[in-house]
Protein backbone atom coordinates (compact mmCIF):
# COMPACT_ATOMS: atom_id res chain seq x y z
CA UNK A 1 0.00 0.00 0.00
CA UNK A 2 1.48 3.34 -0.95
CA UNK A 3 0.80 6.43 1.10
CA UNK A 4 1.57 10.03 0.32
CA UNK A 5 3.99 12.00 2.50
CA UNK A 6 1.28 13.55 4.69
CA UNK A 7 -0.36 10.20 5.44
CA UNK A 8 3.00 8.59 6.18
CA UNK A 9 3.86 11.44 8.56
CA UNK A 10 0.52 11.07 10.39
CA UNK A 11 1.09 7.33 10.82
CA UNK A 12 4.58 8.01 12.24
CA UNK A 13 3.13 10.48 14.75
CA UNK A 14 0.43 7.96 15.78
CA UNK A 15 3.11 5.30 16.22
CA UNK A 16 5.26 7.60 18.37
CA UNK A 17 2.29 8.48 20.62
CA UNK A 18 1.36 4.81 20.93
CA UNK A 19 4.91 3.87 21.93
CA UNK A 20 4.86 6.54 24.63
CA UNK A 21 1.37 5.82 25.96
CA UNK A 22 1.23 1.98 25.90
CA UNK A 23 4.50 0.19 25.13
CA UNK A 24 2.96 -3.28 25.63
CA UNK A 25 0.24 -2.64 23.03
CA UNK A 26 2.85 -1.20 20.67
CA UNK A 27 4.94 -4.40 21.07
CA UNK A 28 1.90 -6.59 20.30
CA UNK A 29 1.10 -4.55 17.19
CA UNK A 30 4.72 -4.75 16.05
CA UNK A 31 4.65 -8.56 16.43
CA UNK A 32 1.39 -8.71 14.47
CA UNK A 33 2.98 -6.59 11.74
CA UNK A 34 5.96 -8.94 11.49
CA UNK A 35 3.75 -12.05 11.40
CA UNK A 36 1.42 -10.73 8.72
CA UNK A 37 4.02 -8.94 6.60
CA UNK A 38 4.01 -11.51 3.78
CA UNK A 39 0.25 -11.90 3.58
CA UNK A 40 -2.06 -10.06 1.26
CA UNK A 41 -4.90 -7.99 2.60
CA UNK A 42 -8.34 -9.62 2.05
CA UNK A 43 -10.24 -8.20 -0.91
CA UNK A 44 -13.14 -6.97 1.21
CA UNK A 45 -10.74 -4.87 3.30
CA UNK A 46 -8.97 -3.25 0.38
CA UNK A 47 -9.90 0.25 -0.64
CA UNK A 48 -11.35 0.37 -4.13
CA UNK A 49 -9.31 2.24 -6.70
CA UNK A 50 -10.78 4.98 -8.83
CA UNK A 51 -11.00 2.61 -11.79
CA UNK A 52 -12.86 0.05 -9.67
CA UNK A 53 -15.36 2.70 -8.58
CA UNK A 54 -15.86 3.81 -12.20
CA UNK A 55 -16.45 0.20 -13.28
CA UNK A 56 -18.91 -0.33 -10.45
CA UNK A 57 -20.80 2.87 -11.32
CA UNK A 58 -20.92 1.88 -15.00
CA UNK A 59 -22.32 -1.54 -14.08
CA UNK A 60 -24.99 0.05 -11.88
CA UNK A 61 -25.96 2.52 -14.61
CA UNK A 62 -26.16 -0.30 -17.17
CA UNK A 63 -28.41 -2.32 -14.86
CA UNK A 64 -30.64 0.70 -14.24
CA UNK A 65 -30.98 1.33 -17.99
CA UNK A 66 -31.85 -2.33 -18.59
CA UNK A 67 -34.52 -2.26 -15.88
CA UNK A 68 -35.98 0.96 -17.28
CA UNK A 69 -36.06 -0.53 -20.79
CA UNK A 70 -37.95 -3.57 -19.54
CA UNK A 71 -40.38 -1.36 -17.61
CA UNK A 72 -41.02 0.85 -20.65
CA UNK A 73 -41.51 -2.25 -22.81
CA UNK A 74 -44.07 -3.62 -20.38
CA UNK A 75 -45.86 -0.27 -20.27
CA UNK A 76 -46.03 -0.05 -24.07
CA UNK A 77 -47.29 -3.64 -24.27
CA UNK A 78 -50.00 -2.92 -21.69
CA UNK A 79 -51.14 0.24 -23.49
CA UNK A 80 -51.23 -1.53 -26.87
CA UNK A 81 -53.18 -4.45 -25.37
CA UNK A 82 -55.68 -2.05 -23.83
CA UNK A 83 -56.12 -0.14 -27.09
CA UNK A 84 -56.53 -3.39 -29.03
CA UNK A 85 -59.19 -4.58 -26.58
CA UNK A 86 -61.05 -1.30 -26.91
CA UNK A 87 -60.96 -1.38 -30.72
CA UNK A 88 -62.02 -5.04 -30.93
CA UNK A 89 -64.72 -4.48 -28.33
CA UNK A 90 -66.20 -1.56 -30.24
CA UNK A 91 -66.24 -3.52 -33.51
CA UNK A 92 -67.90 -6.52 -31.88
CA UNK A 93 -70.92 -4.48 -30.75
CA UNK A 94 -73.72 -3.92 -33.18
CA UNK A 95 -74.98 -0.39 -33.61
CA UNK A 96 -78.18 0.41 -31.70
CA UNK A 97 -80.29 0.57 -34.89
CA UNK A 98 -79.21 -2.89 -36.05
CA UNK A 99 -80.02 -4.70 -32.82
CA UNK A 100 -83.09 -6.93 -32.73
CA UNK A 101 -85.49 -6.01 -29.95
CA UNK A 102 -85.93 -9.02 -27.67
CA UNK A 103 -87.69 -7.64 -24.62
CA UNK A 104 -91.31 -8.29 -23.60
CA UNK A 105 -92.31 -4.81 -24.67
CA UNK A 106 -91.97 -5.82 -28.35
CA UNK A 107 -94.11 -8.93 -28.14
CA UNK A 108 -97.81 -7.95 -27.99
CA UNK A 109 -98.96 -11.40 -26.90
CA UNK A 110 -96.92 -11.42 -23.69
CA UNK A 111 -98.60 -8.27 -22.38
CA UNK A 112 -102.11 -9.16 -21.11
CA UNK A 113 -103.13 -5.48 -21.12
CA UNK A 114 -102.72 -5.38 -24.88
CA UNK A 115 -105.09 -8.36 -25.45
CA UNK A 116 -108.48 -7.32 -26.60
């Protein structure tokens, strides 16, 4: 891990304060540093680089665009289905003038008041 001069200086100051305040803790941390010197840091503990963050943002944007495209496609399909149902439904109905009257008011024999 590379640190700039300011960060390195801050770590040196922290180390000096730690050595003065708690020498036993400083010795344990030094031993830990020697034991783990050859090991790599786990991936989940590493700080993402700028390129990693850009890649992650690009992947998130791509996923968002894909989800929006699917949502718009579903919306267009729903609207077209609704319009098709309306058009087919209006063609299936007969106009009022072409309908055959079927109610009892059109049959004179079913109305006893009209018998004479």
